[in-house]
């Protein structure tokens, strides 16, 4: 069996071992693959693994030997699943590998916005504390989380993990979810209530045609001017121009983002030089512990496919 990994560097920049994958067959691992080289590098492959390299319908139709596509992530929009289904090619994803890591990043952004740790540290190194007349100083309001309200949009695995952390901080939690879902300590609410009542709003819903850009000028206007927006879900959930305008106008206190609509972002993205907007480069999922889980599930997915009992199939 020939296995081709199109973009292995993100999963394994050198701190993991590909040995288990090599044990499954003839294995070819590429750090990155430009779109135009996908058919050439995938020629003769029975199995392709991809993280963000796109497998279009055209590319899939050029690979007659292909039987299985494993997406090294939870989201699988990089694969034309309909084209794969037409060819009876199984497509799988990796659910629930990064829940703890993403929830941790949510609170890294929340704590950064409320304590401004990095800003105060830079000030200390710049000499501000040494020049202070008092034993301490702060250049930004310091905000306590206890009794503040966190609004969660999307109460799936990650949303629930974030809710548990919020409750541990003594926060009140509201949640909007498209299907009925209850969780102890979490109050269900509609979208407008979550946006208008929350001090922090965190996005954890999948991207669909219906919710693309749903955080826009209108919905942002419902939020408190003292509120923070956190997005570790999908970049296109947010109208970035509208968010930038709200931040510049002081209609929102801040934003913590791990995802953007285009990644890497073009230099003219309006959020890159926006006040009180903190952006991390889509790394919420990327702790070593989460990547080890991802790799383990990816291998087990292939083993299950080889045994004729595929798991985590997204195109049944």
C-alpha atoms as a PDB file:
ATOM      1  CA  UNK A   1       0.000   0.000   0.000  1.00  0.00           C
ATOM      2  CA  UNK A   2       1.367   3.405  -0.973  1.00  0.00           C
ATOM      3  CA  UNK A   3       0.780   6.224   1.512  1.00  0.00           C
ATOM      4  CA  UNK A   4       1.463   9.867   0.619  1.00  0.00           C
ATOM      5  CA  UNK A   5       1.506  12.665   3.203  1.00  0.00           C
ATOM      6  CA  UNK A   6       1.097  15.955   1.349  1.00  0.00           C
ATOM      7  CA  UNK A   7       1.876  18.418   4.145  1.00  0.00           C
ATOM      8  CA  UNK A   8       3.404  16.649   7.109  1.00  0.00           C
ATOM      9  CA  UNK A   9       5.435  19.523   8.552  1.00  0.00           C
ATOM     10  CA  UNK A  10       2.548  21.136  10.440  1.00  0.00           C
ATOM     11  CA  UNK A  11       1.712  17.918  12.272  1.00  0.00           C
ATOM     12  CA  UNK A  12       5.324  16.887  12.708  1.00  0.00           C
ATOM     13  CA  UNK A  13       7.950  19.638  12.426  1.00  0.00           C
ATOM     14  CA  UNK A  14      10.503  17.150  13.742  1.00  0.00           C
ATOM     15  CA  UNK A  15       9.411  16.339  17.289  1.00  0.00           C
ATOM     16  CA  UNK A  16       7.323  13.248  16.429  1.00  0.00           C
ATOM     17  CA  UNK A  17       8.257   9.917  14.831  1.00  0.00           C
ATOM     18  CA  UNK A  18       6.752   8.737  11.525  1.00  0.00           C
ATOM     19  CA  UNK A  19       7.707   5.113  12.304  1.00  0.00           C
ATOM     20  CA  UNK A  20       4.131   3.885  12.873  1.00  0.00           C
ATOM     21  CA  UNK A  21       3.061   5.270   9.507  1.00  0.00           C
ATOM     22  CA  UNK A  22       6.007   3.686   7.701  1.00  0.00           C
ATOM     23  CA  UNK A  23       5.007   0.344   9.233  1.00  0.00           C
ATOM     24  CA  UNK A  24       1.699   0.472   7.349  1.00  0.00           C
ATOM     25  CA  UNK A  25       3.163   0.563   3.844  1.00  0.00           C
ATOM     26  CA  UNK A  26       5.370   2.399   1.364  1.00  0.00           C
ATOM     27  CA  UNK A  27       5.318   5.900   2.791  1.00  0.00           C
ATOM     28  CA  UNK A  28       6.227   9.198   1.113  1.00  0.00           C
ATOM     29  CA  UNK A  29       6.167  12.256   3.372  1.00  0.00           C
ATOM     30  CA  UNK A  30       6.339  15.800   2.036  1.00  0.00           C
ATOM     31  CA  UNK A  31       6.632  18.807   4.327  1.00  0.00           C
ATOM     32  CA  UNK A  32       4.504  20.909   1.969  1.00  0.00           C
ATOM     33  CA  UNK A  33       2.929  20.399  -1.451  1.00  0.00           C
ATOM     34  CA  UNK A  34       2.013  23.235  -3.821  1.00  0.00           C
ATOM     35  CA  UNK A  35      -1.457  22.723  -5.374  1.00  0.00           C
ATOM     36  CA  UNK A  36      -0.060  22.142  -8.847  1.00  0.00           C
ATOM     37  CA  UNK A  37       2.121  19.276  -7.574  1.00  0.00           C
ATOM     38  CA  UNK A  38      -0.671  17.323  -5.840  1.00  0.00           C
ATOM     39  CA  UNK A  39      -1.401  14.943  -8.788  1.00  0.00           C
ATOM     40  CA  UNK A  40       2.306  14.288  -9.435  1.00  0.00           C
ATOM     41  CA  UNK A  41       3.190  13.560  -5.817  1.00  0.00           C
ATOM     42  CA  UNK A  42       0.023  11.524  -5.258  1.00  0.00           C
ATOM     43  CA  UNK A  43       0.399   9.343  -8.359  1.00  0.00           C
ATOM     44  CA  UNK A  44      -0.191   5.682  -7.514  1.00  0.00           C
ATOM     45  CA  UNK A  45      -1.195   6.424  -3.928  1.00  0.00           C
ATOM     46  CA  UNK A  46      -3.733   4.189  -2.226  1.00  0.00           C
ATOM     47  CA  UNK A  47      -3.859   6.514   0.784  1.00  0.00           C
ATOM     48  CA  UNK A  48      -3.382  10.282   0.965  1.00  0.00           C
ATOM     49  CA  UNK A  49      -3.067  12.260   4.181  1.00  0.00           C
ATOM     50  CA  UNK A  50      -3.575  16.016   4.086  1.00  0.00           C
ATOM     51  CA  UNK A  51      -3.943  18.773   6.617  1.00  0.00           C
ATOM     52  CA  UNK A  52      -4.527  21.966   4.633  1.00  0.00           C
ATOM     53  CA  UNK A  53      -3.433  20.962   1.133  1.00  0.00           C
ATOM     54  CA  UNK A  54      -6.544  21.048  -1.049  1.00  0.00           C
ATOM     55  CA  UNK A  55      -7.708  17.869  -2.789  1.00  0.00           C
ATOM     56  CA  UNK A  56     -10.049  19.203  -5.448  1.00  0.00           C
ATOM     57  CA  UNK A  57     -12.417  17.112  -7.515  1.00  0.00           C
ATOM     58  CA  UNK A  58     -10.106  17.562 -10.495  1.00  0.00           C
ATOM     59  CA  UNK A  59      -7.101  16.277  -8.513  1.00  0.00           C
ATOM     60  CA  UNK A  60      -9.074  13.324  -7.129  1.00  0.00           C
ATOM     61  CA  UNK A  61     -10.232  12.288 -10.605  1.00  0.00           C
ATOM     62  CA  UNK A  62      -6.582  12.142 -11.737  1.00  0.00           C
ATOM     63  CA  UNK A  63      -5.730   9.519  -9.095  1.00  0.00           C
ATOM     64  CA  UNK A  64      -7.247   6.186 -10.187  1.00  0.00           C
ATOM     65  CA  UNK A  65      -5.480   4.150  -7.464  1.00  0.00           C
ATOM     66  CA  UNK A  66      -6.750   6.301  -4.609  1.00  0.00           C
ATOM     67  CA  UNK A  67      -8.973   4.529  -2.085  1.00  0.00           C
ATOM     68  CA  UNK A  68      -8.678   6.587   1.090  1.00  0.00           C
ATOM     69  CA  UNK A  69      -8.154  10.230   2.097  1.00  0.00           C
ATOM     70  CA  UNK A  70      -7.312  11.000   5.709  1.00  0.00           C
ATOM     71  CA  UNK A  71      -7.684  14.625   6.777  1.00  0.00           C
ATOM     72  CA  UNK A  72      -5.238  15.458   9.561  1.00  0.00           C
ATOM     73  CA  UNK A  73      -7.710  17.819  11.209  1.00  0.00           C
ATOM     74  CA  UNK A  74     -11.335  17.977  12.307  1.00  0.00           C
ATOM     75  CA  UNK A  75     -12.530  20.229   9.493  1.00  0.00           C
ATOM     76  CA  UNK A  76     -12.470  18.551   6.070  1.00  0.00           C
ATOM     77  CA  UNK A  77     -13.443  21.370   3.712  1.00  0.00           C
ATOM     78  CA  UNK A  78     -10.060  20.988   1.946  1.00  0.00           C
ATOM     79  CA  UNK A  79     -11.383  17.795   0.297  1.00  0.00           C
ATOM     80  CA  UNK A  80     -14.069  17.623  -2.394  1.00  0.00           C
ATOM     81  CA  UNK A  81     -16.012  14.949  -0.528  1.00  0.00           C
ATOM     82  CA  UNK A  82     -18.626  14.637  -3.281  1.00  0.00           C
ATOM     83  CA  UNK A  83     -15.973  13.840  -5.853  1.00  0.00           C
ATOM     84  CA  UNK A  84     -14.502  11.313  -3.428  1.00  0.00           C
ATOM     85  CA  UNK A  85     -17.927   9.745  -2.855  1.00  0.00           C
ATOM     86  CA  UNK A  86     -18.472   9.395  -6.605  1.00  0.00           C
ATOM     87  CA  UNK A  87     -15.232   7.419  -6.771  1.00  0.00           C
ATOM     88  CA  UNK A  88     -16.140   5.439  -3.611  1.00  0.00           C
ATOM     89  CA  UNK A  89     -13.080   6.903  -1.878  1.00  0.00           C
ATOM     90  CA  UNK A  90     -13.398   6.972   1.899  1.00  0.00           C
ATOM     91  CA  UNK A  91     -12.655  10.312   3.591  1.00  0.00           C
ATOM     92  CA  UNK A  92     -11.997  10.465   7.330  1.00  0.00           C
ATOM     93  CA  UNK A  93     -11.198  13.226   9.781  1.00  0.00           C
ATOM     94  CA  UNK A  94      -9.734  13.458  13.296  1.00  0.00           C
ATOM     95  CA  UNK A  95     -12.362  14.465  15.851  1.00  0.00           C
ATOM     96  CA  UNK A  96     -11.711  15.467  19.445  1.00  0.00           C
ATOM     97  CA  UNK A  97      -7.913  15.509  19.464  1.00  0.00           C
ATOM     98  CA  UNK A  98      -7.379  19.156  20.397  1.00  0.00           C
ATOM     99  CA  UNK A  99     -10.296  19.953  22.706  1.00  0.00           C
ATOM    100  CA  UNK A 100      -8.181  20.660  25.799  1.00  0.00           C
ATOM    101  CA  UNK A 101      -5.576  22.626  23.843  1.00  0.00           C
ATOM    102  CA  UNK A 102      -8.106  24.848  22.080  1.00  0.00           C
ATOM    103  CA  UNK A 103      -9.975  25.539  25.329  1.00  0.00           C
ATOM    104  CA  UNK A 104      -6.642  26.482  26.881  1.00  0.00           C
ATOM    105  CA  UNK A 105      -5.959  28.939  24.048  1.00  0.00           C
ATOM    106  CA  UNK A 106      -9.386  30.513  24.538  1.00  0.00           C
ATOM    107  CA  UNK A 107      -8.433  31.368  28.087  1.00  0.00           C
ATOM    108  CA  UNK A 108      -4.944  32.425  27.069  1.00  0.00           C
ATOM    109  CA  UNK A 109      -6.648  35.106  24.957  1.00  0.00           C
ATOM    110  CA  UNK A 110      -9.195  35.957  27.646  1.00  0.00           C
ATOM    111  CA  UNK A 111      -6.505  36.321  30.311  1.00  0.00           C
ATOM    112  CA  UNK A 112      -4.329  38.362  27.974  1.00  0.00           C
ATOM    113  CA  UNK A 113      -7.210  40.770  27.333  1.00  0.00           C
ATOM    114  CA  UNK A 114      -8.131  41.081  31.003  1.00  0.00           C
ATOM    115  CA  UNK A 115      -4.630  41.164  32.544  1.00  0.00           C
ATOM    116  CA  UNK A 116      -2.518  42.399  29.581  1.00  0.00           C
ATOM    117  CA  UNK A 117       0.374  40.267  30.790  1.00  0.00           C
ATOM    118  CA  UNK A 118       2.499  40.656  27.659  1.00  0.00           C
ATOM    119  CA  UNK A 119       1.989  44.444  27.525  1.00  0.00           C
ATOM    120  CA  UNK A 120       2.904  44.913  31.170  1.00  0.00           C
ATOM    121  CA  UNK A 121       5.943  42.664  30.799  1.00  0.00           C
ATOM    122  CA  UNK A 122       7.137  44.726  27.824  1.00  0.00           C
ATOM    123  CA  UNK A 123       6.666  47.863  29.922  1.00  0.00           C
ATOM    124  CA  UNK A 124       8.749  46.437  32.754  1.00  0.00           C
ATOM    125  CA  UNK A 125      11.557  45.511  30.353  1.00  0.00           C
ATOM    126  CA  UNK A 126      11.348  48.998  28.841  1.00  0.00           C
ATOM    127  CA  UNK A 127      12.054  50.490  32.279  1.00  0.00           C
ATOM    128  CA  UNK A 128       8.538  51.617  33.263  1.00  0.00           C
ATOM    129  CA  UNK A 129       8.598  49.812  36.616  1.00  0.00           C
ATOM    130  CA  UNK A 130      12.078  51.019  37.432  1.00  0.00           C
ATOM    131  CA  UNK A 131      10.881  54.578  36.822  1.00  0.00           C
ATOM    132  CA  UNK A 132       7.680  54.170  38.829  1.00  0.00           C
ATOM    133  CA  UNK A 133       7.156  56.247  41.963  1.00  0.00           C
ATOM    134  CA  UNK A 134       5.073  53.426  43.455  1.00  0.00           C
ATOM    135  CA  UNK A 135       5.731  49.774  44.186  1.00  0.00           C
ATOM    136  CA  UNK A 136       3.415  48.788  41.320  1.00  0.00           C
ATOM    137  CA  UNK A 137       1.704  50.309  38.294  1.00  0.00           C
ATOM    138  CA  UNK A 138      -0.696  49.288  35.540  1.00  0.00           C
ATOM    139  CA  UNK A 139      -1.202  50.784  32.123  1.00  0.00           C
ATOM    140  CA  UNK A 140      -4.462  49.002  31.362  1.00  0.00           C
ATOM    141  CA  UNK A 141      -7.569  48.204  33.400  1.00  0.00           C
ATOM    142  CA  UNK A 142      -7.164  44.910  35.275  1.00  0.00           C
ATOM    143  CA  UNK A 143     -10.350  42.881  35.006  1.00  0.00           C
ATOM    144  CA  UNK A 144     -11.464  40.069  37.307  1.00  0.00           C
ATOM    145  CA  UNK A 145     -13.295  37.199  35.605  1.00  0.00           C
ATOM    146  CA  UNK A 146     -15.356  36.098  38.577  1.00  0.00           C
ATOM    147  CA  UNK A 147     -19.045  36.994  38.098  1.00  0.00           C
ATOM    148  CA  UNK A 148     -18.507  38.129  34.504  1.00  0.00           C
ATOM    149  CA  UNK A 149     -20.569  36.389  31.815  1.00  0.00           C
ATOM    150  CA  UNK A 150     -19.050  34.236  29.105  1.00  0.00           C
ATOM    151  CA  UNK A 151     -21.216  33.653  26.049  1.00  0.00           C
ATOM    152  CA  UNK A 152     -20.459  30.522  24.049  1.00  0.00           C
ATOM    153  CA  UNK A 153     -21.743  30.118  20.507  1.00  0.00           C
ATOM    154  CA  UNK A 154     -21.605  26.401  19.730  1.00  0.00           C
ATOM    155  CA  UNK A 155     -21.760  24.024  22.690  1.00  0.00           C
ATOM    156  CA  UNK A 156     -19.939  21.067  21.194  1.00  0.00           C
ATOM    157  CA  UNK A 157     -16.914  19.347  22.722  1.00  0.00           C
ATOM    158  CA  UNK A 158     -14.730  22.446  22.705  1.00  0.00           C
ATOM    159  CA  UNK A 159     -17.547  24.763  23.756  1.00  0.00           C
ATOM    160  CA  UNK A 160     -18.252  22.509  26.725  1.00  0.00           C
ATOM    161  CA  UNK A 161     -14.560  22.394  27.670  1.00  0.00           C
ATOM    162  CA  UNK A 162     -14.448  26.201  27.588  1.00  0.00           C
ATOM    163  CA  UNK A 163     -17.609  26.339  29.708  1.00  0.00           C
ATOM    164  CA  UNK A 164     -16.009  24.118  32.355  1.00  0.00           C
ATOM    165  CA  UNK A 165     -12.994  26.426  32.564  1.00  0.00           C
ATOM    166  CA  UNK A 166     -15.233  29.480  32.769  1.00  0.00           C
ATOM    167  CA  UNK A 167     -17.230  27.947  35.613  1.00  0.00           C
ATOM    168  CA  UNK A 168     -13.971  27.178  37.434  1.00  0.00           C
ATOM    169  CA  UNK A 169     -13.099  30.896  37.175  1.00  0.00           C
ATOM    170  CA  UNK A 170     -16.460  31.728  38.733  1.00  0.00           C
ATOM    171  CA  UNK A 171     -17.967  33.086  35.531  1.00  0.00           C
ATOM    172  CA  UNK A 172     -21.604  32.865  34.521  1.00  0.00           C
ATOM    173  CA  UNK A 173     -22.037  31.004  31.243  1.00  0.00           C
ATOM    174  CA  UNK A 174     -24.620  31.476  28.499  1.00  0.00           C
ATOM    175  CA  UNK A 175     -24.638  29.262  25.428  1.00  0.00           C
ATOM    176  CA  UNK A 176     -26.347  29.282  22.061  1.00  0.00           C
ATOM    177  CA  UNK A 177     -26.448  25.994  20.179  1.00  0.00           C
ATOM    178  CA  UNK A 178     -28.461  25.092  17.068  1.00  0.00           C
ATOM    179  CA  UNK A 179     -29.694  21.822  18.584  1.00  0.00           C
ATOM    180  CA  UNK A 180     -30.966  21.402  22.151  1.00  0.00           C
ATOM    181  CA  UNK A 181     -28.023  20.645  24.411  1.00  0.00           C
ATOM    182  CA  UNK A 182     -27.839  21.097  28.140  1.00  0.00           C
ATOM    183  CA  UNK A 183     -24.893  21.303  30.492  1.00  0.00           C
ATOM    184  CA  UNK A 184     -24.878  21.813  34.225  1.00  0.00           C
ATOM    185  CA  UNK A 185     -24.173  25.425  35.124  1.00  0.00           C
ATOM    186  CA  UNK A 186     -24.742  26.674  31.572  1.00  0.00           C
ATOM    187  CA  UNK A 187     -27.840  28.692  30.684  1.00  0.00           C
ATOM    188  CA  UNK A 188     -29.221  28.169  27.155  1.00  0.00           C
ATOM    189  CA  UNK A 189     -29.945  31.418  25.307  1.00  0.00           C
ATOM    190  CA  UNK A 190     -30.612  32.696  21.816  1.00  0.00           C
ATOM    191  CA  UNK A 191     -27.907  34.424  19.792  1.00  0.00           C
ATOM    192  CA  UNK A 192     -29.030  37.978  20.511  1.00  0.00           C
ATOM    193  CA  UNK A 193     -29.136  37.309  24.249  1.00  0.00           C
ATOM    194  CA  UNK A 194     -25.667  35.763  24.236  1.00  0.00           C
ATOM    195  CA  UNK A 195     -24.248  38.733  22.337  1.00  0.00           C
ATOM    196  CA  UNK A 196     -25.972  41.426  24.393  1.00  0.00           C
ATOM    197  CA  UNK A 197     -25.523  39.948  27.883  1.00  0.00           C
ATOM    198  CA  UNK A 198     -21.979  38.582  27.686  1.00  0.00           C
ATOM    199  CA  UNK A 199     -18.748  40.215  28.775  1.00  0.00           C
ATOM    200  CA  UNK A 200     -16.809  37.736  26.645  1.00  0.00           C
ATOM    201  CA  UNK A 201     -18.174  35.966  23.554  1.00  0.00           C
ATOM    202  CA  UNK A 202     -16.336  32.873  22.291  1.00  0.00           C
ATOM    203  CA  UNK A 203     -17.069  31.223  18.934  1.00  0.00           C
ATOM    204  CA  UNK A 204     -17.111  27.427  18.710  1.00  0.00           C
ATOM    205  CA  UNK A 205     -19.511  26.696  15.860  1.00  0.00           C
ATOM    206  CA  UNK A 206     -18.610  24.993  12.573  1.00  0.00           C
ATOM    207  CA  UNK A 207     -18.494  27.151   9.459  1.00  0.00           C
ATOM    208  CA  UNK A 208     -21.553  26.787   7.223  1.00  0.00           C
ATOM    209  CA  UNK A 209     -23.028  28.777   4.368  1.00  0.00           C
ATOM    210  CA  UNK A 210     -25.676  30.022   6.792  1.00  0.00           C
ATOM    211  CA  UNK A 211     -23.307  31.443   9.426  1.00  0.00           C
ATOM    212  CA  UNK A 212     -20.466  32.724   7.260  1.00  0.00           C
ATOM    213  CA  UNK A 213     -19.758  36.287   8.429  1.00  0.00           C
ATOM    214  CA  UNK A 214     -22.512  36.209  11.046  1.00  0.00           C
ATOM    215  CA  UNK A 215     -20.350  38.288  13.367  1.00  0.00           C
ATOM    216  CA  UNK A 216     -20.885  41.480  11.425  1.00  0.00           C
ATOM    217  CA  UNK A 217     -21.753  45.134  11.920  1.00  0.00           C
ATOM    218  CA  UNK A 218     -25.275  44.320  13.075  1.00  0.00           C
ATOM    219  CA  UNK A 219     -24.392  41.545  15.534  1.00  0.00           C
ATOM    220  CA  UNK A 220     -21.343  43.408  16.855  1.00  0.00           C
ATOM    221  CA  UNK A 221     -23.625  46.353  17.640  1.00  0.00           C
ATOM    222  CA  UNK A 222     -25.486  44.105  20.096  1.00  0.00           C
ATOM    223  CA  UNK A 223     -22.362  43.534  22.175  1.00  0.00           C
ATOM    224  CA  UNK A 224     -21.333  45.666  25.139  1.00  0.00           C
ATOM    225  CA  UNK A 225     -18.606  48.213  24.343  1.00  0.00           C
ATOM    226  CA  UNK A 226     -16.684  46.672  27.258  1.00  0.00           C
ATOM    227  CA  UNK A 227     -16.952  43.139  25.832  1.00  0.00           C
ATOM    228  CA  UNK A 228     -14.314  40.942  24.224  1.00  0.00           C
ATOM    229  CA  UNK A 229     -14.694  38.635  21.204  1.00  0.00           C
ATOM    230  CA  UNK A 230     -12.713  35.382  21.025  1.00  0.00           C
ATOM    231  CA  UNK A 231     -12.516  33.281  17.872  1.00  0.00           C
ATOM    232  CA  UNK A 232     -10.625  29.990  17.843  1.00  0.00           C
ATOM    233  CA  UNK A 233     -13.178  28.368  15.522  1.00  0.00           C
ATOM    234  CA  UNK A 234     -13.145  29.429  11.882  1.00  0.00           C
ATOM    235  CA  UNK A 235     -11.981  32.776  10.529  1.00  0.00           C
ATOM    236  CA  UNK A 236     -14.823  33.325   8.042  1.00  0.00           C
ATOM    237  CA  UNK A 237     -17.363  33.352  10.878  1.00  0.00           C
ATOM    238  CA  UNK A 238     -16.294  36.972  11.353  1.00  0.00           C
ATOM    239  CA  UNK A 239     -16.664  39.934   9.003  1.00  0.00           C
ATOM    240  CA  UNK A 240     -13.146  41.230   9.585  1.00  0.00           C
ATOM    241  CA  UNK A 241     -13.763  44.727   8.228  1.00  0.00           C
ATOM    242  CA  UNK A 242     -16.743  45.122  10.572  1.00  0.00           C
ATOM    243  CA  UNK A 243     -14.735  43.865  13.543  1.00  0.00           C
ATOM    244  CA  UNK A 244     -11.874  46.230  12.749  1.00  0.00           C
ATOM    245  CA  UNK A 245     -14.302  49.150  12.493  1.00  0.00           C
ATOM    246  CA  UNK A 246     -15.904  48.270  15.843  1.00  0.00           C
ATOM    247  CA  UNK A 247     -12.509  48.065  17.564  1.00  0.00           C
ATOM    248  CA  UNK A 248     -11.277  51.333  16.064  1.00  0.00           C
ATOM    249  CA  UNK A 249     -14.497  53.098  17.065  1.00  0.00           C
ATOM    250  CA  UNK A 250     -14.314  51.792  20.641  1.00  0.00           C
ATOM    251  CA  UNK A 251     -17.572  49.868  20.198  1.00  0.00           C
ATOM    252  CA  UNK A 252     -15.804  46.711  21.390  1.00  0.00           C
ATOM    253  CA  UNK A 253     -13.070  46.504  24.022  1.00  0.00           C
ATOM    254  CA  UNK A 254     -10.936  43.875  22.341  1.00  0.00           C
ATOM    255  CA  UNK A 255     -10.621  40.691  20.349  1.00  0.00           C
ATOM    256  CA  UNK A 256      -8.509  37.560  20.648  1.00  0.00           C
ATOM    257  CA  UNK A 257      -8.284  35.600  17.397  1.00  0.00           C
ATOM    258  CA  UNK A 258      -6.481  32.389  16.484  1.00  0.00           C
ATOM    259  CA  UNK A 259      -8.063  32.153  13.024  1.00  0.00           C
ATOM    260  CA  UNK A 260      -8.573  34.540  10.120  1.00  0.00           C
ATOM    261  CA  UNK A 261     -10.568  34.352   6.895  1.00  0.00           C
ATOM    262  CA  UNK A 262      -7.408  33.882   4.805  1.00  0.00           C
ATOM    263  CA  UNK A 263      -4.385  32.116   6.283  1.00  0.00           C
ATOM    264  CA  UNK A 264      -1.651  33.274   6.181  1.00  0.00           C
ATOM    265  CA  UNK A 265      -3.294  36.712   6.082  1.00  0.00           C
ATOM    266  CA  UNK A 266      -2.512  39.229   3.367  1.00  0.00           C
ATOM    267  CA  UNK A 267      -0.696  42.318   4.597  1.00  0.00           C
ATOM    268  CA  UNK A 268      -3.801  44.451   4.032  1.00  0.00           C
ATOM    269  CA  UNK A 269      -5.998  42.451   6.426  1.00  0.00           C
ATOM    270  CA  UNK A 270      -7.713  45.236   8.415  1.00  0.00           C
ATOM    271  CA  UNK A 271      -7.163  43.483  11.747  1.00  0.00           C
ATOM    272  CA  UNK A 272      -3.368  43.300  11.581  1.00  0.00           C
ATOM    273  CA  UNK A 273      -2.855  46.876  12.757  1.00  0.00           C
ATOM    274  CA  UNK A 274      -6.040  47.215  14.759  1.00  0.00           C
ATOM    275  CA  UNK A 275      -6.063  48.419  18.388  1.00  0.00           C
ATOM    276  CA  UNK A 276      -6.802  45.848  21.099  1.00  0.00           C
ATOM    277  CA  UNK A 277      -6.783  43.004  18.596  1.00  0.00           C
ATOM    278  CA  UNK A 278      -4.505  40.105  19.501  1.00  0.00           C
ATOM    279  CA  UNK A 279      -3.918  37.458  16.837  1.00  0.00           C
ATOM    280  CA  UNK A 280      -2.162  34.114  17.147  1.00  0.00           C
ATOM    281  CA  UNK A 281      -1.263  32.136  13.984  1.00  0.00           C
ATOM    282  CA  UNK A 282      -3.834  29.287  14.118  1.00  0.00           C
ATOM    283  CA  UNK A 283      -1.930  27.403  16.816  1.00  0.00           C
ATOM    284  CA  UNK A 284      -4.659  26.599  19.352  1.00  0.00           C
ATOM    285  CA  UNK A 285      -4.640  22.973  18.153  1.00  0.00           C
ATOM    286  CA  UNK A 286      -0.862  22.612  17.949  1.00  0.00           C
ATOM    287  CA  UNK A 287       0.402  21.629  21.402  1.00  0.00           C
ATOM    288  CA  UNK A 288       2.617  18.564  21.248  1.00  0.00           C
ATOM    289  CA  UNK A 289       0.098  16.592  23.317  1.00  0.00           C
ATOM    290  CA  UNK A 290      -2.677  17.389  20.830  1.00  0.00           C
ATOM    291  CA  UNK A 291      -0.494  16.550  17.828  1.00  0.00           C
ATOM    292  CA  UNK A 292       0.427  13.196  19.377  1.00  0.00           C
ATOM    293  CA  UNK A 293      -3.289  12.425  19.770  1.00  0.00           C
ATOM    294  CA  UNK A 294      -3.942  13.550  16.203  1.00  0.00           C
ATOM    295  CA  UNK A 295      -1.183  11.304  14.841  1.00  0.00           C
ATOM    296  CA  UNK A 296      -2.374   8.355  16.909  1.00  0.00           C
ATOM    297  CA  UNK A 297      -5.944   8.693  15.628  1.00  0.00           C
ATOM    298  CA  UNK A 298      -4.711   9.146  12.042  1.00  0.00           C
ATOM    299  CA  UNK A 299      -2.794   5.872  12.226  1.00  0.00           C
ATOM    300  CA  UNK A 300      -5.729   4.070  13.833  1.00  0.00           C
ATOM    301  CA  UNK A 301      -8.028   5.449  11.125  1.00  0.00           C
ATOM    302  CA  UNK A 302      -5.820   3.880   8.436  1.00  0.00           C
ATOM    303  CA  UNK A 303      -5.611   0.600  10.356  1.00  0.00           C
ATOM    304  CA  UNK A 304      -9.404   0.526  10.638  1.00  0.00           C
ATOM    305  CA  UNK A 305      -9.716   1.203   6.897  1.00  0.00           C
ATOM    306  CA  UNK A 306      -7.261  -1.611   6.121  1.00  0.00           C
ATOM    307  CA  UNK A 307      -9.294  -3.949   8.330  1.00  0.00           C
ATOM    308  CA  UNK A 308     -12.453  -3.108   6.395  1.00  0.00           C
ATOM    309  CA  UNK A 309     -14.022  -1.256   9.331  1.00  0.00           C
ATOM    310  CA  UNK A 310     -13.366   2.449   8.599  1.00  0.00           C
ATOM    311  CA  UNK A 311     -13.995   4.927  11.399  1.00  0.00           C
ATOM    312  CA  UNK A 312     -14.571   8.676  11.506  1.00  0.00           C
ATOM    313  CA  UNK A 313     -15.883   8.615   7.936  1.00  0.00           C
ATOM    314  CA  UNK A 314     -17.242  11.990   6.784  1.00  0.00           C
ATOM    315  CA  UNK A 315     -18.648  10.895   3.401  1.00  0.00           C
ATOM    316  CA  UNK A 316     -20.621   7.690   4.094  1.00  0.00           C
END
